[in-house]
Amino acid sequence: MADRFELAESDAVRAGERAESAGERLQRAHGNLASVLDARNGCWGTDQIGKAFEKAYVEYADPLRENSKSLGENFSGVGTATTDMARELADVDEDNAKRFDGLYADDIESWSEEE
């Protein structure tokens, strides 16, 4: 276990925001793809190449659609959780600093190292 833990709040918040944004973009892309596939009943076509593609890959299409939807939701959730966690840790840190200041600020000599 580490002796200390440090977190750059602003960096963690930015990382969380990027993950949330990536998840939202993935969800939009998934929605766009799903609507096109639904409208066209697949995307493989009726020619020989399309039929060969459908035969080889159609069984994977629905699981891929479902998993890509979940992936976008998960990215967004991780981003939100990361941002919230960073802000909560910053609040705890600030609260602890205020408590220390309130308890010891007037009595600094009693807890300082003596030379």
C-alpha atoms as a PDB file:
ATOM      1  CA  MET A   1       0.000   0.000   0.000  1.00  0.00           C
ATOM      2  CA  ALA A   2       1.248   3.457  -0.833  1.00  0.00           C
ATOM      3  CA  ASP A   3       2.282   5.765   1.976  1.00  0.00           C
ATOM      4  CA  ARG A   4       0.594   8.692   0.327  1.00  0.00           C
ATOM      5  CA  PHE A   5      -1.958   9.430  -2.323  1.00  0.00           C
ATOM      6  CA  GLU A   6      -1.999  12.510  -4.498  1.00  0.00           C
ATOM      7  CA  LEU A   7      -4.512  13.554  -7.099  1.00  0.00           C
ATOM      8  CA  ALA A   8      -4.405  16.550  -9.383  1.00  0.00           C
ATOM      9  CA  GLU A   9      -8.079  17.461  -9.250  1.00  0.00           C
ATOM     10  CA  SER A  10      -8.090  19.499 -12.443  1.00  0.00           C
ATOM     11  CA  ASP A  11      -6.387  16.696 -14.393  1.00  0.00           C
ATOM     12  CA  ALA A  12      -8.790  14.086 -13.047  1.00  0.00           C
ATOM     13  CA  VAL A  13     -11.796  16.281 -13.857  1.00  0.00           C
ATOM     14  CA  ARG A  14     -10.536  16.826 -17.412  1.00  0.00           C
ATOM     15  CA  ALA A  15      -9.961  13.074 -17.850  1.00  0.00           C
ATOM     16  CA  GLY A  16     -13.460  12.380 -16.587  1.00  0.00           C
ATOM     17  CA  GLU A  17     -14.950  14.966 -18.913  1.00  0.00           C
ATOM     18  CA  ARG A  18     -13.068  13.468 -21.880  1.00  0.00           C
ATOM     19  CA  ALA A  19     -14.334   9.969 -21.035  1.00  0.00           C
ATOM     20  CA  GLU A  20     -17.876  11.257 -20.679  1.00  0.00           C
ATOM     21  CA  SER A  21     -17.629  13.067 -24.003  1.00  0.00           C
ATOM     22  CA  ALA A  22     -16.197   9.987 -25.726  1.00  0.00           C
ATOM     23  CA  GLY A  23     -19.065   7.915 -24.355  1.00  0.00           C
ATOM     24  CA  GLU A  24     -21.627  10.416 -25.591  1.00  0.00           C
ATOM     25  CA  ARG A  25     -20.045  10.436 -29.066  1.00  0.00           C
ATOM     26  CA  LEU A  26     -19.997   6.646 -29.127  1.00  0.00           C
ATOM     27  CA  GLN A  27     -23.657   6.534 -28.127  1.00  0.00           C
ATOM     28  CA  ARG A  28     -24.554   8.981 -30.914  1.00  0.00           C
ATOM     29  CA  ALA A  29     -22.552   6.953 -33.447  1.00  0.00           C
ATOM     30  CA  HIS A  30     -24.234   3.782 -32.248  1.00  0.00           C
ATOM     31  CA  GLY A  31     -27.666   5.387 -32.610  1.00  0.00           C
ATOM     32  CA  ASN A  32     -26.865   6.579 -36.126  1.00  0.00           C
ATOM     33  CA  LEU A  33     -25.541   3.175 -37.161  1.00  0.00           C
ATOM     34  CA  ALA A  34     -28.498   1.335 -35.628  1.00  0.00           C
ATOM     35  CA  SER A  35     -31.011   3.548 -37.425  1.00  0.00           C
ATOM     36  CA  VAL A  36     -29.282   3.003 -40.792  1.00  0.00           C
ATOM     37  CA  LEU A  37     -29.093  -0.763 -40.236  1.00  0.00           C
ATOM     38  CA  ASP A  38     -32.747  -0.871 -39.202  1.00  0.00           C
ATOM     39  CA  ALA A  39     -33.810   1.178 -42.219  1.00  0.00           C
ATOM     40  CA  ARG A  40     -31.844  -1.012 -44.619  1.00  0.00           C
ATOM     41  CA  ASN A  41     -32.341  -4.317 -42.839  1.00  0.00           C
ATOM     42  CA  GLY A  42     -28.597  -4.761 -42.599  1.00  0.00           C
ATOM     43  CA  CYS A  43     -25.889  -3.265 -44.745  1.00  0.00           C
ATOM     44  CA  TRP A  44     -24.566  -6.170 -46.768  1.00  0.00           C
ATOM     45  CA  GLY A  45     -26.558  -5.805 -49.958  1.00  0.00           C
ATOM     46  CA  THR A  46     -28.023  -8.416 -52.254  1.00  0.00           C
ATOM     47  CA  ASP A  47     -25.106  -8.961 -54.635  1.00  0.00           C
ATOM     48  CA  GLN A  48     -22.695 -11.887 -54.343  1.00  0.00           C
ATOM     49  CA  ILE A  49     -20.228 -10.003 -52.121  1.00  0.00           C
ATOM     50  CA  GLY A  50     -23.030  -8.741 -49.884  1.00  0.00           C
ATOM     51  CA  LYS A  51     -24.506 -12.213 -49.482  1.00  0.00           C
ATOM     52  CA  ALA A  52     -21.066 -13.660 -48.651  1.00  0.00           C
ATOM     53  CA  PHE A  53     -20.542 -10.916 -46.052  1.00  0.00           C
ATOM     54  CA  GLU A  54     -23.969 -11.530 -44.541  1.00  0.00           C
ATOM     55  CA  LYS A  55     -23.335 -15.265 -44.336  1.00  0.00           C
ATOM     56  CA  ALA A  56     -20.020 -14.756 -42.524  1.00  0.00           C
ATOM     57  CA  TYR A  57     -20.931 -11.869 -40.197  1.00  0.00           C
ATOM     58  CA  VAL A  58     -24.685 -11.564 -39.604  1.00  0.00           C
ATOM     59  CA  GLU A  59     -24.540 -13.687 -36.441  1.00  0.00           C
ATOM     60  CA  TYR A  60     -22.158 -11.102 -34.907  1.00  0.00           C
ATOM     61  CA  ALA A  61     -24.172  -8.027 -35.855  1.00  0.00           C
ATOM     62  CA  ASP A  62     -26.706  -8.012 -33.013  1.00  0.00           C
ATOM     63  CA  PRO A  63     -24.188  -8.729 -30.227  1.00  0.00           C
ATOM     64  CA  LEU A  64     -21.930  -6.007 -31.629  1.00  0.00           C
ATOM     65  CA  ARG A  65     -24.803  -3.526 -31.654  1.00  0.00           C
ATOM     66  CA  GLU A  66     -25.734  -4.333 -28.076  1.00  0.00           C
ATOM     67  CA  ASN A  67     -22.150  -4.235 -26.813  1.00  0.00           C
ATOM     68  CA  SER A  68     -21.296  -0.974 -28.546  1.00  0.00           C
ATOM     69  CA  LYS A  69     -24.355   0.640 -26.942  1.00  0.00           C
ATOM     70  CA  SER A  70     -23.221  -0.553 -23.496  1.00  0.00           C
ATOM     71  CA  LEU A  71     -19.671   0.600 -24.159  1.00  0.00           C
ATOM     72  CA  GLY A  72     -20.817   4.159 -24.805  1.00  0.00           C
ATOM     73  CA  GLU A  73     -22.954   4.149 -21.676  1.00  0.00           C
ATOM     74  CA  ASN A  74     -20.041   2.784 -19.637  1.00  0.00           C
ATOM     75  CA  PHE A  75     -17.591   5.410 -20.914  1.00  0.00           C
ATOM     76  CA  SER A  76     -20.028   8.141 -19.970  1.00  0.00           C
ATOM     77  CA  GLY A  77     -20.593   6.600 -16.549  1.00  0.00           C
ATOM     78  CA  VAL A  78     -16.874   6.251 -15.849  1.00  0.00           C
ATOM     79  CA  GLY A  79     -16.351   9.851 -16.892  1.00  0.00           C
ATOM     80  CA  THR A  80     -19.089  11.106 -14.602  1.00  0.00           C
ATOM     81  CA  ALA A  81     -17.853   8.976 -11.697  1.00  0.00           C
ATOM     82  CA  THR A  82     -14.252  10.153 -12.197  1.00  0.00           C
ATOM     83  CA  THR A  83     -15.277  13.791 -12.265  1.00  0.00           C
ATOM     84  CA  ASP A  84     -17.489  13.404  -9.194  1.00  0.00           C
ATOM     85  CA  MET A  85     -14.783  11.501  -7.298  1.00  0.00           C
ATOM     86  CA  ALA A  86     -12.128  14.124  -8.058  1.00  0.00           C
ATOM     87  CA  ARG A  87     -14.385  16.925  -6.875  1.00  0.00           C
ATOM     88  CA  GLU A  88     -15.348  15.037  -3.721  1.00  0.00           C
ATOM     89  CA  LEU A  89     -11.697  14.333  -2.888  1.00  0.00           C
ATOM     90  CA  ALA A  90     -10.872  18.002  -3.415  1.00  0.00           C
ATOM     91  CA  ASP A  91     -13.717  18.957  -1.053  1.00  0.00           C
ATOM     92  CA  VAL A  92     -12.429  16.504   1.581  1.00  0.00           C
ATOM     93  CA  ASP A  93      -8.907  17.868   1.191  1.00  0.00           C
ATOM     94  CA  GLU A  94     -10.114  21.442   1.543  1.00  0.00           C
ATOM     95  CA  ASP A  95     -12.238  20.548   4.571  1.00  0.00           C
ATOM     96  CA  ASN A  96      -9.279  18.791   6.221  1.00  0.00           C
ATOM     97  CA  ALA A  97      -7.038  21.797   5.582  1.00  0.00           C
ATOM     98  CA  LYS A  98      -9.612  24.107   7.195  1.00  0.00           C
ATOM     99  CA  ARG A  99      -9.898  21.806  10.208  1.00  0.00           C
ATOM    100  CA  PHE A 100      -6.123  21.684  10.664  1.00  0.00           C
ATOM    101  CA  ASP A 101      -5.895  25.442  10.290  1.00  0.00           C
ATOM    102  CA  GLY A 102      -8.693  25.918  12.808  1.00  0.00           C
ATOM    103  CA  LEU A 103      -7.168  23.569  15.366  1.00  0.00           C
ATOM    104  CA  TYR A 104      -3.498  24.389  15.082  1.00  0.00           C
ATOM    105  CA  ALA A 105      -3.002  27.745  13.402  1.00  0.00           C
ATOM    106  CA  ASP A 106      -2.721  29.632  16.693  1.00  0.00           C
ATOM    107  CA  ASP A 107      -0.490  26.985  18.291  1.00  0.00           C
ATOM    108  CA  ILE A 108       2.031  26.333  15.520  1.00  0.00           C
ATOM    109  CA  GLU A 109       4.999  26.132  17.859  1.00  0.00           C
ATOM    110  CA  SER A 110       3.567  23.162  19.757  1.00  0.00           C
ATOM    111  CA  TRP A 111       3.496  20.902  16.701  1.00  0.00           C
ATOM    112  CA  SER A 112       6.582  22.158  14.884  1.00  0.00           C
ATOM    113  CA  GLU A 113       9.855  20.255  15.086  1.00  0.00           C
ATOM    114  CA  GLU A 114      12.235  21.635  17.610  1.00  0.00           C
ATOM    115  CA  GLU A 115      15.778  22.300  16.533  1.00  0.00           C
END
